[in-house]
Amino acid sequence: MVPKRLTFLIDPDGVVRRSYEVTDVGGHPDAVLADLRALSGN
């Protein structure tokens, strides 16, 4: 499946911590939030 969009998770220092080729627009926010929580240690 072709991605509908690209999203990047960037930390406060400007380092790209994760990139996403979004094919599931509905589930994407949950995936980003889970990764954000994991990276922040929460």
Protein backbone atom coordinates (compact mmCIF):
# COMPACT_ATOMS: atom_id res chain seq x y z
CA MET A 1 0.00 0.00 0.00
CA VAL A 2 1.27 3.49 -0.82
CA PRO A 3 1.65 5.84 2.15
CA LYS A 4 -0.87 8.65 2.29
CA ARG A 5 1.50 10.84 4.29
CA LEU A 6 4.81 10.90 6.07
CA THR A 7 5.12 11.88 9.72
CA PHE A 8 8.24 12.51 11.78
CA LEU A 9 8.66 12.37 15.55
CA ILE A 10 11.30 15.00 16.39
CA ASP A 11 12.76 15.55 19.86
CA PRO A 12 13.36 19.00 21.43
CA ASP A 13 16.97 18.97 20.14
CA GLY A 14 15.75 18.58 16.56
CA VAL A 15 16.73 14.92 16.21
CA VAL A 16 14.35 12.75 14.20
CA ARG A 17 13.51 9.85 16.52
CA ARG A 18 11.01 8.07 14.30
CA SER A 19 9.54 8.37 10.84
CA TYR A 20 6.26 6.88 9.71
CA GLU A 21 4.93 6.01 6.28
CA VAL A 22 1.26 6.33 7.13
CA THR A 23 -1.07 3.85 5.46
CA ASP A 24 -3.57 3.55 8.34
CA VAL A 25 -4.72 7.11 9.02
CA GLY A 26 -7.17 6.00 11.71
CA GLY A 27 -4.61 4.09 13.80
CA HIS A 28 -1.68 6.43 13.24
CA PRO A 29 -2.25 8.80 16.20
CA ASP A 30 -2.24 5.87 18.63
CA ALA A 31 1.06 4.60 17.22
CA VAL A 32 2.68 8.04 17.49
CA LEU A 33 1.43 8.53 21.05
CA ALA A 34 2.73 5.09 22.07
CA ASP A 35 6.16 5.88 20.63
CA LEU A 36 6.16 9.31 22.27
CA ARG A 37 5.38 7.74 25.65
CA ALA A 38 8.11 5.12 25.17
CA LEU A 39 10.69 7.75 24.24
CA SER A 40 9.77 9.96 27.19
CA GLY A 41 9.94 7.06 29.64
CA ASN A 42 6.25 7.23 30.64
